[in-house]
């Protein structure tokens, strides 16, 4: 996971370490599905946030949620992950 965070926003790239170009293209391996994961984010200011999940291959947002951060950490359910996705959390 790579990311950038301030007290009012978070940008994260989540990736399966085994979903490398070599494994997917050369070795022909299909990535394992990762389900039922939770992301916990510390350091956000209290308030309402928009959480967006982005498909990195299509370049589109496929899920948007509104969440409320009342205390840290903010806990967010991660959609099913096949190789990689981006999460954008921005205060409203």
N, C-alpha and C. Protein backbone atom coordinates (compact mmCIF):
# COMPACT_ATOMS: atom_id res chain seq x y z
N UNK A 1 0.86 -1.17 0.00
CA UNK A 1 0.00 0.00 0.00
C UNK A 1 0.90 1.23 0.00
N UNK A 2 0.58 2.16 -0.87
CA UNK A 2 1.24 3.46 -0.92
C UNK A 2 0.19 4.52 -0.74
N UNK A 3 0.57 5.66 -0.16
CA UNK A 3 -0.44 6.69 0.02
C UNK A 3 0.09 8.04 0.43
N UNK A 4 -0.84 8.97 0.48
CA UNK A 4 -0.60 10.34 0.91
C UNK A 4 -1.75 10.71 1.83
N UNK A 5 -1.45 11.40 2.93
CA UNK A 5 -2.51 11.75 3.87
C UNK A 5 -2.27 13.12 4.48
N UNK A 6 -3.38 13.84 4.66
CA UNK A 6 -3.43 15.04 5.48
C UNK A 6 -4.57 14.81 6.47
N UNK A 7 -4.86 15.81 7.28
CA UNK A 7 -5.94 15.63 8.27
C UNK A 7 -7.33 15.67 7.64
N UNK A 8 -7.43 16.09 6.36
CA UNK A 8 -8.74 16.19 5.70
C UNK A 8 -8.87 15.32 4.45
N UNK A 9 -7.84 14.53 4.12
CA UNK A 9 -7.92 13.68 2.93
C UNK A 9 -6.89 12.55 2.99
N UNK A 10 -7.18 11.50 2.25
CA UNK A 10 -6.29 10.35 2.13
C UNK A 10 -6.38 9.84 0.70
N UNK A 11 -5.24 9.53 0.10
CA UNK A 11 -5.18 8.92 -1.23
C UNK A 11 -4.32 7.67 -1.10
N UNK A 12 -4.89 6.51 -1.43
CA UNK A 12 -4.18 5.24 -1.23
C UNK A 12 -4.24 4.37 -2.47
N UNK A 13 -3.15 3.69 -2.75
CA UNK A 13 -3.10 2.67 -3.79
C UNK A 13 -2.89 1.34 -3.08
N UNK A 14 -3.86 0.45 -3.19
CA UNK A 14 -3.78 -0.87 -2.57
C UNK A 14 -3.52 -1.88 -3.67
N UNK A 15 -2.50 -2.72 -3.47
CA UNK A 15 -2.20 -3.71 -4.50
C UNK A 15 -1.85 -5.05 -3.88
N UNK A 16 -2.18 -6.10 -4.60
CA UNK A 16 -1.81 -7.46 -4.22
C UNK A 16 -0.36 -7.64 -4.62
N UNK A 17 0.52 -7.95 -3.67
CA UNK A 17 1.95 -8.07 -3.96
C UNK A 17 2.25 -9.19 -4.96
N UNK A 18 1.35 -10.15 -5.10
CA UNK A 18 1.55 -11.24 -6.05
C UNK A 18 1.01 -10.94 -7.44
N UNK A 19 0.31 -9.82 -7.61
CA UNK A 19 -0.27 -9.47 -8.91
C UNK A 19 0.72 -8.62 -9.71
N UNK A 20 1.92 -9.17 -9.90
CA UNK A 20 2.95 -8.47 -10.67
C UNK A 20 2.75 -8.71 -12.16
N UNK A 21 3.35 -7.87 -12.96
CA UNK A 21 3.26 -8.04 -14.41
C UNK A 21 3.79 -9.42 -14.81
N UNK A 22 4.91 -9.82 -14.20
CA UNK A 22 5.49 -11.13 -14.52
C UNK A 22 4.48 -12.25 -14.24
N UNK A 23 3.90 -12.25 -13.06
CA UNK A 23 2.96 -13.31 -12.70
C UNK A 23 1.72 -13.30 -13.59
N UNK A 24 1.21 -12.11 -13.90
CA UNK A 24 -0.03 -12.01 -14.68
C UNK A 24 0.18 -12.29 -16.16
N UNK A 25 1.23 -11.70 -16.75
CA UNK A 25 1.42 -11.77 -18.21
C UNK A 25 2.31 -12.95 -18.61
N UNK A 26 3.47 -13.05 -18.02
CA UNK A 26 4.43 -14.08 -18.44
C UNK A 26 4.04 -15.45 -17.90
N UNK A 27 3.79 -15.54 -16.60
CA UNK A 27 3.46 -16.83 -15.99
C UNK A 27 2.00 -17.22 -16.17
N UNK A 28 1.16 -16.27 -16.58
CA UNK A 28 -0.25 -16.55 -16.82
C UNK A 28 -1.06 -16.86 -15.57
N UNK A 29 -0.59 -16.40 -14.43
CA UNK A 29 -1.31 -16.65 -13.18
C UNK A 29 -2.43 -15.64 -13.01
N UNK A 30 -3.55 -16.11 -12.53
CA UNK A 30 -4.65 -15.21 -12.21
C UNK A 30 -4.47 -14.73 -10.78
N UNK A 31 -4.74 -13.45 -10.51
CA UNK A 31 -4.59 -12.96 -9.14
C UNK A 31 -5.63 -13.58 -8.21
N UNK A 32 -5.23 -13.78 -6.97
CA UNK A 32 -6.15 -14.27 -5.96
C UNK A 32 -7.12 -13.16 -5.57
N UNK A 33 -8.35 -13.52 -5.33
CA UNK A 33 -9.35 -12.55 -4.87
C UNK A 33 -9.16 -12.31 -3.37
N UNK A 34 -9.07 -11.05 -3.00
CA UNK A 34 -8.96 -10.68 -1.59
C UNK A 34 -10.28 -10.04 -1.19
N UNK A 35 -10.98 -10.67 -0.25
CA UNK A 35 -12.30 -10.19 0.15
C UNK A 35 -12.33 -9.97 1.66
N UNK A 36 -13.33 -9.23 2.10
CA UNK A 36 -13.59 -8.98 3.52
C UNK A 36 -12.43 -8.27 4.22
N UNK A 37 -11.78 -7.36 3.51
CA UNK A 37 -10.69 -6.58 4.11
C UNK A 37 -11.24 -5.26 4.64
N UNK A 38 -10.59 -4.74 5.66
CA UNK A 38 -10.97 -3.46 6.25
C UNK A 38 -9.76 -2.56 6.29
N UNK A 39 -9.97 -1.31 5.94
CA UNK A 39 -8.93 -0.29 5.97
C UNK A 39 -9.17 0.60 7.18
N UNK A 40 -8.15 0.80 8.00
CA UNK A 40 -8.27 1.68 9.15
C UNK A 40 -7.32 2.85 8.96
N UNK A 41 -7.88 4.07 9.01
CA UNK A 41 -7.11 5.29 8.76
C UNK A 41 -7.05 6.13 10.02
N UNK A 42 -5.86 6.39 10.50
CA UNK A 42 -5.63 7.24 11.67
C UNK A 42 -5.39 8.68 11.22
N UNK A 43 -5.66 9.63 12.10
CA UNK A 43 -5.24 11.00 11.88
C UNK A 43 -6.19 11.90 11.11
N UNK A 44 -7.40 11.44 10.82
CA UNK A 44 -8.36 12.30 10.13
C UNK A 44 -9.11 13.16 11.14
N UNK A 45 -9.39 14.39 10.74
CA UNK A 45 -10.18 15.29 11.58
C UNK A 45 -11.63 14.80 11.61
N UNK A 46 -12.34 15.02 12.70
CA UNK A 46 -13.74 14.63 12.75
C UNK A 46 -14.55 15.33 11.65
N UNK A 47 -15.54 14.61 11.12
CA UNK A 47 -16.39 15.20 10.09
C UNK A 47 -16.90 14.15 9.13
N UNK A 48 -17.57 14.63 8.08
CA UNK A 48 -18.12 13.74 7.05
C UNK A 48 -17.14 13.66 5.89
N UNK A 49 -16.99 12.45 5.36
CA UNK A 49 -16.04 12.20 4.28
C UNK A 49 -16.71 11.46 3.13
N UNK A 50 -16.21 11.69 1.94
CA UNK A 50 -16.61 10.93 0.76
C UNK A 50 -15.49 9.93 0.49
N UNK A 51 -15.84 8.65 0.39
CA UNK A 51 -14.88 7.59 0.09
C UNK A 51 -15.17 7.11 -1.33
N UNK A 52 -14.16 7.17 -2.19
CA UNK A 52 -14.31 6.69 -3.56
C UNK A 52 -13.31 5.57 -3.81
N UNK A 53 -13.77 4.55 -4.52
CA UNK A 53 -12.92 3.44 -4.93
C UNK A 53 -12.78 3.48 -6.44
N UNK A 54 -11.55 3.43 -6.93
CA UNK A 54 -11.25 3.59 -8.35
C UNK A 54 -10.62 2.33 -8.93
N UNK A 55 -11.09 1.97 -10.13
CA UNK A 55 -10.51 0.88 -10.91
C UNK A 55 -9.30 1.46 -11.65
N UNK A 56 -8.10 0.97 -11.34
CA UNK A 56 -6.89 1.54 -11.94
C UNK A 56 -6.72 1.15 -13.40
N UNK A 57 -7.36 0.10 -13.83
CA UNK A 57 -7.23 -0.34 -15.22
C UNK A 57 -8.19 0.40 -16.14
N UNK A 58 -9.39 0.69 -15.66
CA UNK A 58 -10.39 1.40 -16.46
C UNK A 58 -10.35 2.91 -16.23
N UNK A 59 -9.76 3.34 -15.10
CA UNK A 59 -9.69 4.76 -14.78
C UNK A 59 -11.03 5.36 -14.38
N UNK A 60 -11.89 4.54 -13.76
CA UNK A 60 -13.21 5.02 -13.36
C UNK A 60 -13.48 4.72 -11.89
N UNK A 61 -14.29 5.59 -11.29
CA UNK A 61 -14.75 5.37 -9.92
C UNK A 61 -15.90 4.38 -9.98
N UNK A 62 -15.80 3.28 -9.23
CA UNK A 62 -16.85 2.27 -9.28
C UNK A 62 -17.68 2.19 -8.00
N UNK A 63 -17.27 2.92 -6.96
CA UNK A 63 -18.06 2.90 -5.72
C UNK A 63 -17.80 4.19 -4.94
N UNK A 64 -18.88 4.79 -4.44
CA UNK A 64 -18.78 5.99 -3.62
C UNK A 64 -19.61 5.80 -2.36
N UNK A 65 -19.04 6.20 -1.22
CA UNK A 65 -19.75 6.10 0.06
C UNK A 65 -19.57 7.41 0.82
N UNK A 66 -20.53 7.70 1.67
CA UNK A 66 -20.38 8.79 2.64
C UNK A 66 -20.19 8.15 3.99
N UNK A 67 -19.16 8.61 4.70
CA UNK A 67 -18.89 8.07 6.03
C UNK A 67 -18.64 9.22 7.00
N UNK A 68 -18.82 8.93 8.24
CA UNK A 68 -18.60 9.94 9.28
C UNK A 68 -17.44 9.48 10.16
N UNK A 69 -16.48 10.37 10.35
CA UNK A 69 -15.34 10.10 11.24
C UNK A 69 -15.59 10.85 12.53
N UNK A 70 -15.89 10.11 13.58
CA UNK A 70 -16.14 10.74 14.88
C UNK A 70 -14.96 10.53 15.81
N UNK A 71 -14.24 9.45 15.59
CA UNK A 71 -13.02 9.19 16.36
C UNK A 71 -12.11 8.34 15.48
N UNK A 72 -10.85 8.32 15.82
CA UNK A 72 -9.88 7.57 15.04
C UNK A 72 -9.71 6.17 15.61
N UNK A 73 -9.43 5.17 14.80
CA UNK A 73 -9.29 5.29 13.36
C UNK A 73 -10.63 5.23 12.62
N UNK A 74 -10.66 5.78 11.42
CA UNK A 74 -11.81 5.63 10.54
C UNK A 74 -11.70 4.25 9.92
N UNK A 75 -12.76 3.47 10.00
CA UNK A 75 -12.76 2.11 9.48
C UNK A 75 -13.63 2.05 8.23
N UNK A 76 -13.06 1.54 7.13
CA UNK A 76 -13.75 1.48 5.84
C UNK A 76 -13.60 0.07 5.27
N UNK A 77 -14.71 -0.50 4.80
CA UNK A 77 -14.66 -1.81 4.15
C UNK A 77 -14.08 -1.67 2.75
N UNK A 78 -13.14 -2.54 2.42
CA UNK A 78 -12.48 -2.52 1.11
C UNK A 78 -13.27 -3.43 0.17
N UNK A 79 -13.59 -2.94 -1.05
CA UNK A 79 -14.25 -3.82 -2.02
C UNK A 79 -13.34 -5.01 -2.36
N UNK A 80 -13.91 -6.02 -2.98
CA UNK A 80 -13.12 -7.18 -3.39
C UNK A 80 -11.96 -6.71 -4.26
N UNK A 81 -10.76 -7.17 -3.93
CA UNK A 81 -9.54 -6.75 -4.62
C UNK A 81 -9.03 -7.90 -5.47
N UNK A 82 -8.80 -7.64 -6.77
CA UNK A 82 -8.25 -8.66 -7.66
C UNK A 82 -6.79 -8.42 -7.98
N UNK A 83 -6.39 -7.19 -8.13
CA UNK A 83 -4.97 -6.88 -8.35
C UNK A 83 -4.61 -5.58 -7.65
N UNK A 84 -5.28 -4.48 -8.03
CA UNK A 84 -5.05 -3.22 -7.34
C UNK A 84 -6.23 -2.28 -7.52
N UNK A 85 -6.38 -1.37 -6.56
CA UNK A 85 -7.42 -0.34 -6.60
C UNK A 85 -6.88 0.90 -5.90
N UNK A 86 -7.55 2.01 -6.14
CA UNK A 86 -7.20 3.27 -5.49
C UNK A 86 -8.37 3.70 -4.62
N UNK A 87 -8.03 4.22 -3.44
CA UNK A 87 -9.03 4.76 -2.52
C UNK A 87 -8.76 6.24 -2.32
N UNK A 88 -9.81 7.03 -2.47
CA UNK A 88 -9.73 8.48 -2.26
C UNK A 88 -10.73 8.83 -1.16
N UNK A 89 -10.25 9.42 -0.08
CA UNK A 89 -11.11 9.83 1.03
C UNK A 89 -10.93 11.33 1.22
N UNK A 90 -12.01 12.09 1.04
CA UNK A 90 -11.94 13.56 1.09
C UNK A 90 -13.04 14.08 2.00
N UNK A 91 -12.67 15.04 2.85
CA UNK A 91 -13.65 15.64 3.75
C UNK A 91 -14.62 16.50 2.96
N UNK A 92 -15.91 16.40 3.32
CA UNK A 92 -16.95 17.20 2.67
C UNK A 92 -16.98 18.59 3.19
